[in-house]
Amino acid sequence: MFKLLDTLIFIFLILMIFRYIGRYVIPFLLKSWVSKKVSEMQQNQQSYQQPNKREGEVTIEYQPENKKHYNRDSGEYVDYEEVK
């Protein structure tokens, strides 16, 4: 009889501990984790923002086109002239 009562009390205490952890500790940990991630995202966003430009200043970013290079050993290549 006492073993059953001890087991029920033990289970009740464990459930109360999990309830306390779930109600107070987990939200605190989640808030701190979220605020840390938000600050990291803000720092990353600031590093990606373009610098301020004066009015009328133009910047052209050029990316060269990839020219296709044909290797004559890799297959048949036909050189042709365009007729107009």
Protein backbone atom coordinates (compact mmCIF):
# COMPACT_ATOMS: atom_id res chain seq x y z
CA MET A 1 0.00 0.00 0.00
CA PHE A 2 2.80 2.41 0.87
CA LYS A 3 4.65 1.58 -2.34
CA LEU A 4 1.61 2.57 -4.37
CA LEU A 5 1.25 5.80 -2.43
CA ASP A 6 4.96 6.58 -2.82
CA THR A 7 4.75 5.92 -6.56
CA LEU A 8 1.73 8.20 -6.96
CA ILE A 9 3.41 10.99 -5.01
CA PHE A 10 6.58 10.59 -7.09
CA ILE A 11 4.59 10.76 -10.35
CA PHE A 12 2.69 13.80 -9.06
CA LEU A 13 5.95 15.59 -8.18
CA ILE A 14 7.47 14.82 -11.56
CA LEU A 15 4.37 16.17 -13.32
CA MET A 16 4.48 19.35 -11.20
CA ILE A 17 8.16 19.85 -12.06
CA PHE A 18 7.45 19.48 -15.78
CA ARG A 19 4.53 21.85 -15.45
CA TYR A 20 6.75 24.45 -13.77
CA ILE A 21 9.43 24.01 -16.44
CA GLY A 22 6.87 24.28 -19.22
CA ARG A 23 5.23 27.36 -17.80
CA TYR A 24 8.23 29.45 -16.71
CA VAL A 25 11.56 28.14 -17.94
CA ILE A 26 10.78 27.25 -21.57
CA PRO A 27 9.16 30.61 -22.45
CA PHE A 28 12.14 32.41 -20.90
CA LEU A 29 14.58 30.34 -22.96
CA LEU A 30 12.54 30.88 -26.13
CA LYS A 31 12.41 34.66 -25.61
CA SER A 32 16.16 34.87 -25.12
CA TRP A 33 16.82 32.67 -28.16
CA VAL A 34 14.44 34.69 -30.37
CA SER A 35 15.91 38.03 -29.28
CA LYS A 36 19.40 36.73 -30.00
CA LYS A 37 18.38 35.58 -33.49
CA VAL A 38 16.62 38.90 -34.20
CA SER A 39 19.74 40.86 -33.31
CA GLU A 40 21.87 38.58 -35.53
CA MET A 41 19.46 39.09 -38.44
CA GLN A 42 19.54 42.86 -37.99
CA GLN A 43 23.34 42.85 -38.04
CA ASN A 44 23.35 40.71 -41.20
CA GLN A 45 20.81 42.99 -42.86
CA GLN A 46 22.91 46.07 -42.10
CA SER A 47 25.97 44.49 -43.68
CA TYR A 48 24.05 43.77 -46.93
CA GLN A 49 22.56 47.24 -47.34
CA GLN A 50 24.11 49.28 -50.11
CA PRO A 51 26.07 52.37 -49.09
CA ASN A 52 24.33 55.72 -49.47
CA LYS A 53 24.92 57.33 -52.87
CA ARG A 54 24.82 60.98 -53.73
CA GLU A 55 21.95 62.17 -55.90
CA GLY A 56 22.74 61.77 -59.58
CA GLU A 57 25.55 59.28 -59.04
CA VAL A 58 25.29 56.26 -61.32
CA THR A 59 26.92 52.93 -60.68
CA ILE A 60 27.01 50.22 -63.33
CA GLU A 61 27.84 46.74 -62.21
CA TYR A 62 29.13 44.75 -65.17
CA GLN A 63 29.26 41.01 -65.27
CA PRO A 64 31.04 39.65 -68.33
CA GLU A 65 29.12 37.11 -70.35
CA ASN A 66 30.37 33.58 -70.28
CA LYS A 67 31.74 32.87 -73.72
CA LYS A 68 31.36 29.33 -74.88
CA HIS A 69 34.67 27.71 -75.64
CA TYR A 70 34.54 24.74 -77.95
CA ASN A 71 37.19 22.12 -77.72
CA ARG A 72 37.69 20.48 -81.09
CA ASP A 73 38.51 17.20 -79.41
CA SER A 74 35.17 17.07 -77.56
CA GLY A 75 32.99 16.68 -80.66
CA GLU A 76 32.20 17.85 -84.14
CA TYR A 77 32.41 21.60 -84.66
CA VAL A 78 31.27 23.15 -87.94
CA ASP A 79 32.68 26.56 -88.80
CA TYR A 80 30.22 28.49 -90.96
CA GLU A 81 29.79 31.89 -92.55
CA GLU A 82 26.53 33.79 -92.31
CA VAL A 83 24.96 34.55 -95.70
CA LYS A 84 22.74 37.62 -95.97
